[in-house]
Amino acid sequence: MQTTPKADAEAFSGTPVTQAVITVLAYFNDRQRKATRRAGELAGLEVRRLINGPTTAAFAFGVHNRDEHELFLVFDLGDGTFDASIVEMFDDIVEVRASSG
């Protein structure tokens, strides 16, 4: 039996999941991003945002390093992919300067 990420999250949390932030590959074009958003909507989710994969790592890093002002490269070396983002972090803000894959 196959489950969905939405069903898994609801089973884990014990509460309904109605909204999502979805990561996508950095090289996704507009059509692929729209299809991903639509898939989330078909699953019954309000898709709040689509974020490039490497950017999510920068957000996770920023949560624990809020007092630093840095410019850094975040990369995701996956199965047949290499995505990268240049990210600046300052004043509790994580700003993506460039992203590609």
C-alpha atoms as a PDB file:
ATOM      1  CA  MET A   1       0.000   0.000   0.000  1.00  0.00           C
ATOM      2  CA  GLN A   2       1.376   3.374  -0.997  1.00  0.00           C
ATOM      3  CA  THR A   3       0.830   6.513   1.066  1.00  0.00           C
ATOM      4  CA  THR A   4       1.346  10.174   0.275  1.00  0.00           C
ATOM      5  CA  PRO A   5       3.567  12.641   2.121  1.00  0.00           C
ATOM      6  CA  LYS A   6       0.366  14.433   3.197  1.00  0.00           C
ATOM      7  CA  ALA A   7      -1.055  11.229   4.716  1.00  0.00           C
ATOM      8  CA  ASP A   8       2.275  10.450   6.386  1.00  0.00           C
ATOM      9  CA  ALA A   9       2.433  13.948   7.919  1.00  0.00           C
ATOM     10  CA  GLU A  10      -1.151  13.694   9.166  1.00  0.00           C
ATOM     11  CA  ALA A  11      -0.509  10.265  10.688  1.00  0.00           C
ATOM     12  CA  PHE A  12       2.652  11.523  12.392  1.00  0.00           C
ATOM     13  CA  SER A  13       1.171  14.770  13.728  1.00  0.00           C
ATOM     14  CA  GLY A  14      -2.366  13.572  14.399  1.00  0.00           C
ATOM     15  CA  THR A  15      -3.744  16.731  12.789  1.00  0.00           C
ATOM     16  CA  PRO A  16      -4.983  17.603   9.305  1.00  0.00           C
ATOM     17  CA  VAL A  17      -2.372  19.041   6.938  1.00  0.00           C
ATOM     18  CA  THR A  18      -3.822  21.757   4.709  1.00  0.00           C
ATOM     19  CA  GLN A  19      -0.792  23.835   3.668  1.00  0.00           C
ATOM     20  CA  ALA A  20       2.632  23.008   2.268  1.00  0.00           C
ATOM     21  CA  VAL A  21       5.943  24.448   1.202  1.00  0.00           C
ATOM     22  CA  ILE A  22       7.343  22.196  -1.529  1.00  0.00           C
ATOM     23  CA  THR A  23      10.968  21.923  -2.605  1.00  0.00           C
ATOM     24  CA  VAL A  24      11.794  21.599  -6.294  1.00  0.00           C
ATOM     25  CA  LEU A  25      14.966  21.011  -8.259  1.00  0.00           C
ATOM     26  CA  ALA A  26      16.817  24.250  -8.962  1.00  0.00           C
ATOM     27  CA  TYR A  27      16.692  23.695 -12.718  1.00  0.00           C
ATOM     28  CA  PHE A  28      12.893  23.306 -12.866  1.00  0.00           C
ATOM     29  CA  ASN A  29      11.379  25.626 -15.445  1.00  0.00           C
ATOM     30  CA  ASP A  30       8.096  27.494 -15.048  1.00  0.00           C
ATOM     31  CA  ARG A  31       6.027  24.651 -16.504  1.00  0.00           C
ATOM     32  CA  GLN A  32       7.563  22.110 -14.123  1.00  0.00           C
ATOM     33  CA  ARG A  33       7.032  24.415 -11.155  1.00  0.00           C
ATOM     34  CA  LYS A  34       3.387  24.946 -12.114  1.00  0.00           C
ATOM     35  CA  ALA A  35       2.910  21.172 -12.453  1.00  0.00           C
ATOM     36  CA  THR A  36       4.425  20.641  -9.004  1.00  0.00           C
ATOM     37  CA  ARG A  37       2.162  23.302  -7.510  1.00  0.00           C
ATOM     38  CA  ARG A  38      -0.846  21.717  -9.233  1.00  0.00           C
ATOM     39  CA  ALA A  39       0.070  18.276  -7.876  1.00  0.00           C
ATOM     40  CA  GLY A  40       0.080  19.718  -4.358  1.00  0.00           C
ATOM     41  CA  GLU A  41      -3.297  21.333  -4.954  1.00  0.00           C
ATOM     42  CA  LEU A  42      -4.714  18.057  -6.300  1.00  0.00           C
ATOM     43  CA  ALA A  43      -3.548  16.440  -3.059  1.00  0.00           C
ATOM     44  CA  GLY A  44      -5.736  18.935  -1.184  1.00  0.00           C
ATOM     45  CA  LEU A  45      -2.969  21.301  -0.122  1.00  0.00           C
ATOM     46  CA  GLU A  46      -2.698  25.058  -0.241  1.00  0.00           C
ATOM     47  CA  VAL A  47       0.809  25.374  -1.660  1.00  0.00           C
ATOM     48  CA  ARG A  48       2.258  28.393   0.110  1.00  0.00           C
ATOM     49  CA  ARG A  49       5.583  28.414  -1.711  1.00  0.00           C
ATOM     50  CA  LEU A  50       7.917  26.455  -3.973  1.00  0.00           C
ATOM     51  CA  ILE A  51      11.572  26.622  -2.911  1.00  0.00           C
ATOM     52  CA  ASN A  52      14.701  25.333  -4.640  1.00  0.00           C
ATOM     53  CA  GLY A  53      16.252  22.392  -2.798  1.00  0.00           C
ATOM     54  CA  PRO A  54      19.588  24.033  -1.938  1.00  0.00           C
ATOM     55  CA  THR A  55      17.760  27.084  -0.604  1.00  0.00           C
ATOM     56  CA  THR A  56      16.018  24.956   2.031  1.00  0.00           C
ATOM     57  CA  ALA A  57      19.411  23.917   3.404  1.00  0.00           C
ATOM     58  CA  ALA A  58      20.326  27.590   3.721  1.00  0.00           C
ATOM     59  CA  PHE A  59      17.140  28.255   5.694  1.00  0.00           C
ATOM     60  CA  ALA A  60      17.946  25.370   8.035  1.00  0.00           C
ATOM     61  CA  PHE A  61      21.461  26.741   8.543  1.00  0.00           C
ATOM     62  CA  GLY A  62      20.119  30.251   9.129  1.00  0.00           C
ATOM     63  CA  VAL A  63      17.773  29.120  11.889  1.00  0.00           C
ATOM     64  CA  HIS A  64      20.795  28.199  14.019  1.00  0.00           C
ATOM     65  CA  ASN A  65      23.129  31.034  12.982  1.00  0.00           C
ATOM     66  CA  ARG A  66      20.973  34.146  13.208  1.00  0.00           C
ATOM     67  CA  ASP A  67      23.632  36.532  14.480  1.00  0.00           C
ATOM     68  CA  GLU A  68      26.029  36.065  11.576  1.00  0.00           C
ATOM     69  CA  HIS A  69      26.229  38.033   8.312  1.00  0.00           C
ATOM     70  CA  GLU A  70      27.491  35.676   5.645  1.00  0.00           C
ATOM     71  CA  LEU A  71      27.486  35.020   1.937  1.00  0.00           C
ATOM     72  CA  PHE A  72      27.791  31.333   1.160  1.00  0.00           C
ATOM     73  CA  LEU A  73      27.296  28.621  -1.434  1.00  0.00           C
ATOM     74  CA  VAL A  74      24.846  25.819  -0.722  1.00  0.00           C
ATOM     75  CA  PHE A  75      24.837  22.837  -3.043  1.00  0.00           C
ATOM     76  CA  ASP A  76      22.850  19.646  -3.438  1.00  0.00           C
ATOM     77  CA  LEU A  77      24.732  16.863  -5.165  1.00  0.00           C
ATOM     78  CA  GLY A  78      22.031  14.320  -5.905  1.00  0.00           C
ATOM     79  CA  ASP A  79      21.500  11.270  -8.030  1.00  0.00           C
ATOM     80  CA  GLY A  80      22.370  12.721 -11.423  1.00  0.00           C
ATOM     81  CA  THR A  81      21.871  16.353 -10.379  1.00  0.00           C
ATOM     82  CA  PHE A  82      23.958  19.191  -9.024  1.00  0.00           C
ATOM     83  CA  ASP A  83      21.975  22.190  -7.765  1.00  0.00           C
ATOM     84  CA  ALA A  84      23.520  25.246  -6.162  1.00  0.00           C
ATOM     85  CA  SER A  85      22.398  28.495  -4.556  1.00  0.00           C
ATOM     86  CA  ILE A  86      24.371  31.550  -3.496  1.00  0.00           C
ATOM     87  CA  VAL A  87      22.744  32.816  -0.336  1.00  0.00           C
ATOM     88  CA  GLU A  88      23.268  35.875   1.846  1.00  0.00           C
ATOM     89  CA  MET A  89      22.211  35.742   5.465  1.00  0.00           C
ATOM     90  CA  PHE A  90      21.819  38.896   7.566  1.00  0.00           C
ATOM     91  CA  ASP A  91      19.496  40.354  10.226  1.00  0.00           C
ATOM     92  CA  ASP A  92      17.350  37.185  10.440  1.00  0.00           C
ATOM     93  CA  ILE A  93      16.944  37.252   6.642  1.00  0.00           C
ATOM     94  CA  VAL A  94      18.029  34.520   4.258  1.00  0.00           C
ATOM     95  CA  GLU A  95      18.177  35.988   0.757  1.00  0.00           C
ATOM     96  CA  VAL A  96      18.865  33.892  -2.328  1.00  0.00           C
ATOM     97  CA  ARG A  97      21.192  35.803  -4.668  1.00  0.00           C
ATOM     98  CA  ALA A  98      21.334  33.102  -7.379  1.00  0.00           C
ATOM     99  CA  SER A  99      20.183  29.536  -7.884  1.00  0.00           C
ATOM    100  CA  SER A 100      20.869  27.055 -10.658  1.00  0.00           C
ATOM    101  CA  GLY A 101      20.973  23.364 -11.362  1.00  0.00           C
END
